[in-house]
Amino acid sequence: MHSFAHLSDIHIGAFRQPALQNLVLKAFDDALDICVERGVDFVIVSGDLFDSNIPDMGLVNGAVRKIREVKDKGIQFYIVYGSHDFSPTQTSIVDILKSAGLFTKVTKGKEENGKLELEFQIDEKTGAKLCGISGRRLGIEKRYFEILDRENLEREEGFRIFIFHGAVTEYKPRQAFEAESIPLSSLPKGFAYYAGGHIHDEFLTKEHGYNLAYPGTLFASEYRDLEKNARGQKRGFFIATFSDKISHIEFVKLPVCDYQLIEYDANGKNSARVHNELLEIAKDA
């Protein structure tokens, strides 16, 4: 039996406050420590490893040290861009780390005669075959799904994983109702696992023959995520066990810190008063 970890939406570099930046990195470090402890064969990151295409280099340095430590233990990393770490105009930090041998991007392919033909990347240790489509800003990756040569991918034999970064229409969360999405029919059929990213809450369905999984953000990338965490939202990632097919998918919870949720009523108060009262609340918390 083999296993792989599926992480997404880490958003290293999110937040301006150093304490929150460090918690994002801690979540990533803790997740990779668990991957080593559990002996996974490879790690999938389905987009938004970083919060921007050129993030703070100090934070990148911390992440790179951890990735190198894990790779040196024989664990490979497979990745696609997310909407945050992709850039149409300049080299992304993901490209730099790929060139350094830390990642394998699974988006290799060519567009020919109006069709996008993807090539599989084969994991040497397990024989798993991976391919995928990166996320883009404003949902423009939708075009790539529209021209994807799905028939060729569906004919391929073996254990196959499809990695992508975007919402699926049929399973789009309520709060993302107006966001761009792709219909389930745009995904190639018959793959063992569909590693999704972009949706920040954990989601797993086995309907219609799809092991469609979104692990959600590891910690948070915005204050809405933090509020959800304080209200009990569980954060973590998936570990899937497989041979010729998936035998088990586990959501591994990742407690990063404790939370205190304080609700504040600002009705009828000017900005200066709100500012001062919030400072006092923060001092007492």
Protein backbone atom coordinates (compact mmCIF):
# COMPACT_ATOMS: atom_id res chain seq x y z
CA MET A 1 0.00 0.00 0.00
CA HIS A 2 1.05 3.57 -0.70
CA SER A 3 -0.15 6.94 0.53
CA PHE A 4 -0.05 10.61 -0.40
CA ALA A 5 -0.92 13.86 1.34
CA HIS A 6 -3.13 16.52 -0.23
CA LEU A 7 -2.59 20.10 0.96
CA SER A 8 -3.95 23.32 -0.46
CA ASP A 9 -4.31 27.05 0.09
CA ILE A 10 -1.49 27.46 2.57
CA HIS A 11 -1.06 31.13 1.59
CA ILE A 12 2.43 31.68 2.95
CA GLY A 13 2.88 35.44 3.15
CA ALA A 14 -0.74 36.22 3.94
CA PHE A 15 -1.36 38.82 6.67
CA ARG A 16 0.81 41.78 7.57
CA GLN A 17 1.21 40.90 11.22
CA PRO A 18 4.37 38.83 11.92
CA ALA A 19 2.56 36.71 14.51
CA LEU A 20 -0.04 35.60 11.96
CA GLN A 21 2.60 35.11 9.26
CA ASN A 22 4.47 32.81 11.63
CA LEU A 23 1.31 30.82 12.37
CA VAL A 24 0.79 30.24 8.64
CA LEU A 25 4.35 28.89 8.42
CA LYS A 26 3.84 26.83 11.57
CA ALA A 27 0.79 25.18 10.04
CA PHE A 28 2.82 24.26 6.97
CA ASP A 29 5.73 22.93 9.04
CA ASP A 30 3.41 20.90 11.28
CA ALA A 31 1.61 19.39 8.27
CA LEU A 32 4.88 18.30 6.67
CA ASP A 33 6.10 16.85 9.97
CA ILE A 34 2.97 14.69 10.03
CA CYS A 35 3.59 13.66 6.42
CA VAL A 36 7.05 12.43 7.43
CA GLU A 37 5.74 10.68 10.54
CA ARG A 38 3.01 8.95 8.56
CA GLY A 39 5.43 7.91 5.81
CA VAL A 40 3.55 9.34 2.84
CA ASP A 41 5.13 8.71 -0.54
CA PHE A 42 4.43 12.15 -1.99
CA VAL A 43 2.71 15.46 -1.26
CA ILE A 44 0.23 17.25 -3.53
CA VAL A 45 -0.25 21.01 -3.23
CA SER A 46 -3.28 22.06 -5.25
CA GLY A 47 -2.46 25.75 -5.50
CA ASP A 48 -1.85 28.87 -3.42
CA LEU A 49 1.17 27.63 -1.56
CA PHE A 50 2.10 31.31 -1.44
CA ASP A 51 -0.19 34.30 -1.09
CA SER A 52 1.45 36.12 -4.01
CA ASN A 53 3.65 35.18 -6.94
CA ILE A 54 6.61 37.03 -5.38
CA PRO A 55 6.14 36.83 -1.58
CA ASP A 56 8.39 38.02 1.22
CA MET A 57 11.72 36.24 0.75
CA GLY A 58 12.19 35.72 4.46
CA LEU A 59 9.00 33.68 4.59
CA VAL A 60 9.97 31.85 1.42
CA ASN A 61 13.28 30.93 3.01
CA GLY A 62 11.50 29.34 5.96
CA ALA A 63 9.21 27.34 3.69
CA VAL A 64 12.07 26.22 1.43
CA ARG A 65 14.08 24.91 4.36
CA LYS A 66 11.16 22.73 5.40
CA ILE A 67 10.44 21.50 1.88
CA ARG A 68 14.09 20.60 1.37
CA GLU A 69 14.15 18.74 4.70
CA VAL A 70 11.15 16.66 3.64
CA LYS A 71 12.41 16.06 0.09
CA ASP A 72 15.70 14.81 1.50
CA LYS A 73 13.68 12.07 3.19
CA GLY A 74 12.49 10.85 -0.22
CA ILE A 75 9.07 12.53 -0.31
CA GLN A 76 8.24 14.22 -3.62
CA PHE A 77 6.10 17.33 -4.12
CA TYR A 78 3.61 17.80 -6.97
CA ILE A 79 2.03 21.20 -7.46
CA VAL A 80 -0.15 23.47 -9.58
CA TYR A 81 -0.47 27.23 -9.43
CA GLY A 82 -3.29 28.77 -7.48
CA SER A 83 -4.96 32.06 -8.30
CA HIS A 84 -2.61 33.83 -5.86
CA ASP A 85 0.78 32.36 -6.77
CA PHE A 86 0.25 32.51 -10.55
CA SER A 87 1.45 35.45 -12.64
CA PRO A 88 0.84 35.90 -16.39
CA THR A 89 3.55 38.55 -16.72
CA GLN A 90 6.53 37.48 -14.62
CA THR A 91 8.24 34.45 -13.16
CA SER A 92 6.50 33.15 -10.05
CA ILE A 93 8.25 31.91 -6.94
CA VAL A 94 6.73 28.50 -7.78
CA ASP A 95 8.71 28.50 -11.04
CA ILE A 96 11.91 29.37 -9.20
CA LEU A 97 11.44 26.54 -6.70
CA LYS A 98 10.56 24.16 -9.53
CA SER A 99 13.81 25.09 -11.27
CA ALA A 100 15.62 24.40 -8.00
CA GLY A 101 14.22 20.86 -8.04
CA LEU A 102 11.90 21.21 -5.07
CA PHE A 103 8.62 20.72 -6.96
CA THR A 104 7.23 18.94 -9.98
CA LYS A 105 4.54 20.96 -11.73
CA VAL A 106 1.93 18.62 -13.17
CA THR A 107 0.60 21.02 -15.81
CA LYS A 108 2.91 19.92 -18.62
CA GLY A 109 1.16 19.76 -21.97
CA LYS A 110 0.52 21.57 -25.21
CA GLU A 111 -2.33 23.37 -26.92
CA GLU A 112 -2.77 22.15 -30.46
CA ASN A 113 -5.64 22.34 -32.96
CA GLY A 114 -7.88 23.93 -30.37
CA LYS A 115 -7.26 21.17 -27.81
CA LEU A 116 -5.23 21.14 -24.60
CA GLU A 117 -3.27 17.89 -24.38
CA LEU A 118 -1.87 17.19 -20.92
CA GLU A 119 1.00 14.83 -20.17
CA PHE A 120 1.10 12.62 -17.10
CA GLN A 121 3.90 12.98 -14.57
CA ILE A 122 4.71 9.55 -13.16
CA ASP A 123 5.76 9.20 -9.53
CA GLU A 124 8.73 6.83 -9.61
CA LYS A 125 8.14 5.29 -6.21
CA THR A 126 4.45 4.43 -6.56
CA GLY A 127 3.75 4.54 -10.30
CA ALA A 128 0.93 7.03 -9.72
CA LYS A 129 0.19 9.22 -12.75
CA LEU A 130 -0.54 12.89 -12.12
CA CYS A 131 -1.68 15.75 -14.33
CA GLY A 132 -3.61 18.94 -13.80
CA ILE A 133 -4.59 22.51 -14.62
CA SER A 134 -3.40 25.52 -12.66
CA GLY A 135 -5.65 28.22 -11.28
CA ARG A 136 -5.67 31.71 -12.74
CA ARG A 137 -7.02 35.00 -11.48
CA LEU A 138 -10.61 35.90 -12.37
CA GLY A 139 -11.39 32.27 -13.20
CA ILE A 140 -9.80 32.37 -16.66
CA GLU A 141 -8.61 28.77 -16.19
CA LYS A 142 -12.17 27.87 -17.22
CA ARG A 143 -11.12 28.12 -20.88
CA TYR A 144 -8.48 25.41 -20.37
CA PHE A 145 -11.13 23.03 -19.07
CA GLU A 146 -13.32 23.84 -22.06
CA ILE A 147 -10.61 22.81 -24.53
CA LEU A 148 -9.15 19.96 -22.43
CA ASP A 149 -8.66 16.72 -24.35
CA ARG A 150 -10.44 14.57 -21.76
CA GLU A 151 -10.76 11.49 -23.96
CA ASN A 152 -7.01 11.02 -24.18
CA LEU A 153 -6.66 11.31 -20.39
CA GLU A 154 -9.54 8.90 -19.80
CA ARG A 155 -7.93 6.24 -22.02
CA GLU A 156 -4.79 6.17 -19.88
CA GLU A 157 -4.56 3.14 -17.62
CA GLY A 158 -3.19 2.99 -14.08
CA PHE A 159 -3.70 4.95 -10.88
CA ARG A 160 -4.42 8.53 -11.92
CA ILE A 161 -4.75 11.79 -9.97
CA PHE A 162 -6.08 15.06 -11.40
CA ILE A 163 -4.97 18.27 -9.64
CA PHE A 164 -6.71 21.59 -10.14
CA HIS A 165 -7.43 24.91 -8.46
CA GLY A 166 -10.99 26.14 -8.79
CA ALA A 167 -14.56 25.61 -7.64
CA VAL A 168 -16.80 22.90 -9.11
CA THR A 169 -20.25 24.27 -9.88
CA GLU A 170 -22.22 21.39 -8.42
CA TYR A 171 -20.40 21.61 -5.09
CA LYS A 172 -19.74 25.33 -4.83
CA PRO A 173 -20.20 26.58 -1.24
CA ARG A 174 -22.97 29.07 -0.56
CA GLN A 175 -20.60 31.93 0.21
CA ALA A 176 -18.93 31.45 -3.21
CA PHE A 177 -22.21 31.34 -5.14
CA GLU A 178 -21.24 34.14 -7.54
CA ALA A 179 -17.64 33.00 -8.02
CA GLU A 180 -16.45 31.51 -11.31
CA SER A 181 -16.62 27.73 -11.40
CA ILE A 182 -16.36 24.74 -13.71
CA PRO A 183 -19.04 22.07 -14.15
CA LEU A 184 -18.24 18.58 -12.90
CA SER A 185 -18.46 17.36 -16.49
CA SER A 186 -15.31 19.40 -17.31
CA LEU A 187 -13.17 17.02 -15.24
CA PRO A 188 -11.83 13.92 -17.00
CA LYS A 189 -13.67 10.81 -15.83
CA GLY A 190 -12.29 7.68 -14.22
CA PHE A 191 -9.47 9.16 -12.15
CA ALA A 192 -8.85 7.70 -8.70
CA TYR A 193 -8.63 11.10 -6.98
CA TYR A 194 -9.40 14.72 -7.83
CA ALA A 195 -7.22 17.05 -5.75
CA GLY A 196 -8.99 20.41 -5.64
CA GLY A 197 -7.91 23.76 -4.30
CA HIS A 198 -9.28 27.31 -3.94
CA ILE A 199 -12.21 26.44 -1.64
CA HIS A 200 -11.04 27.25 1.90
CA ASP A 201 -13.21 24.76 3.81
CA GLU A 202 -12.77 20.99 3.93
CA PHE A 203 -14.94 19.09 1.47
CA LEU A 204 -14.96 15.48 0.25
CA THR A 205 -17.50 13.71 -1.92
CA LYS A 206 -17.58 10.32 -3.59
CA GLU A 207 -20.72 11.03 -5.60
CA HIS A 208 -20.91 10.15 -9.31
CA GLY A 209 -17.75 8.04 -9.02
CA TYR A 210 -15.52 11.00 -8.11
CA ASN A 211 -13.21 11.12 -5.09
CA LEU A 212 -13.38 14.92 -5.22
CA ALA A 213 -11.48 16.52 -2.33
CA TYR A 214 -10.80 20.02 -1.08
CA PRO A 215 -8.72 20.05 2.12
CA GLY A 216 -9.32 23.78 2.62
CA THR A 217 -6.77 26.20 3.96
CA LEU A 218 -4.25 24.82 6.45
CA PHE A 219 -4.70 27.79 8.77
CA ALA A 220 -6.07 31.00 7.24
CA SER A 221 -5.40 33.61 4.60
CA GLU A 222 -7.93 36.25 5.68
CA TYR A 223 -9.88 37.28 8.75
CA ARG A 224 -13.00 35.39 7.66
CA ASP A 225 -10.97 32.21 7.92
CA LEU A 226 -9.82 33.17 11.41
CA GLU A 227 -13.40 33.84 12.51
CA LYS A 228 -14.46 30.44 11.20
CA ASN A 229 -11.59 28.85 13.10
CA ALA A 230 -12.69 30.56 16.30
CA ARG A 231 -16.23 29.27 15.71
CA GLY A 232 -15.00 25.67 15.46
CA GLN A 233 -14.04 25.18 11.80
CA LYS A 234 -11.52 22.32 11.63
CA ARG A 235 -8.39 22.86 9.55
CA GLY A 236 -6.02 20.28 8.13
CA PHE A 237 -5.32 18.15 5.08
CA PHE A 238 -6.07 14.77 3.54
CA ILE A 239 -3.99 11.61 3.54
CA ALA A 240 -5.13 9.01 1.03
CA THR A 241 -4.08 5.35 1.04
CA PHE A 242 -4.04 3.45 -2.25
CA SER A 243 -2.77 0.50 -4.26
CA ASP A 244 -4.52 0.21 -7.63
CA LYS A 245 -7.37 2.33 -6.22
CA ILE A 246 -8.11 4.53 -3.22
CA SER A 247 -8.76 2.44 -0.12
CA HIS A 248 -9.05 5.18 2.51
CA ILE A 249 -9.13 8.98 2.74
CA GLU A 250 -8.50 10.58 6.13
CA PHE A 251 -8.84 14.22 7.07
CA VAL A 252 -5.92 14.99 9.39
CA LYS A 253 -6.85 17.81 11.76
CA LEU A 254 -4.20 20.41 12.38
CA PRO A 255 -4.71 22.51 15.52
CA VAL A 256 -2.36 25.48 15.16
CA CYS A 257 -3.34 27.71 18.08
CA ASP A 258 -6.13 28.53 20.52
CA TYR A 259 -8.75 31.17 19.70
CA GLN A 260 -10.78 33.72 21.59
CA LEU A 261 -13.76 35.17 19.74
CA ILE A 262 -14.97 38.56 20.99
CA GLU A 263 -18.02 40.14 19.36
CA TYR A 264 -18.18 43.93 19.31
CA ASP A 265 -21.12 46.19 18.45
CA ALA A 266 -19.99 49.30 16.55
CA ASN A 267 -23.48 50.67 15.85
CA GLY A 268 -23.78 54.40 16.52
CA LYS A 269 -20.05 54.87 17.19
CA ASN A 270 -17.59 56.91 15.15
CA SER A 271 -14.34 55.44 13.83
CA ALA A 272 -12.16 57.02 16.52
CA ARG A 273 -14.25 55.56 19.31
CA VAL A 274 -14.33 52.14 17.67
CA HIS A 275 -10.56 52.24 17.23
CA ASN A 276 -9.90 53.15 20.86
CA GLU A 277 -12.37 50.64 22.28
CA LEU A 278 -10.98 47.84 20.16
CA LEU A 279 -7.47 48.66 21.37
CA GLU A 280 -8.67 48.41 24.98
CA ILE A 281 -10.39 45.09 24.28
CA ALA A 282 -7.21 43.76 22.68
CA LYS A 283 -5.11 44.81 25.69
CA ASP A 284 -7.44 42.96 28.06
CA ALA A 285 -7.80 39.83 25.94
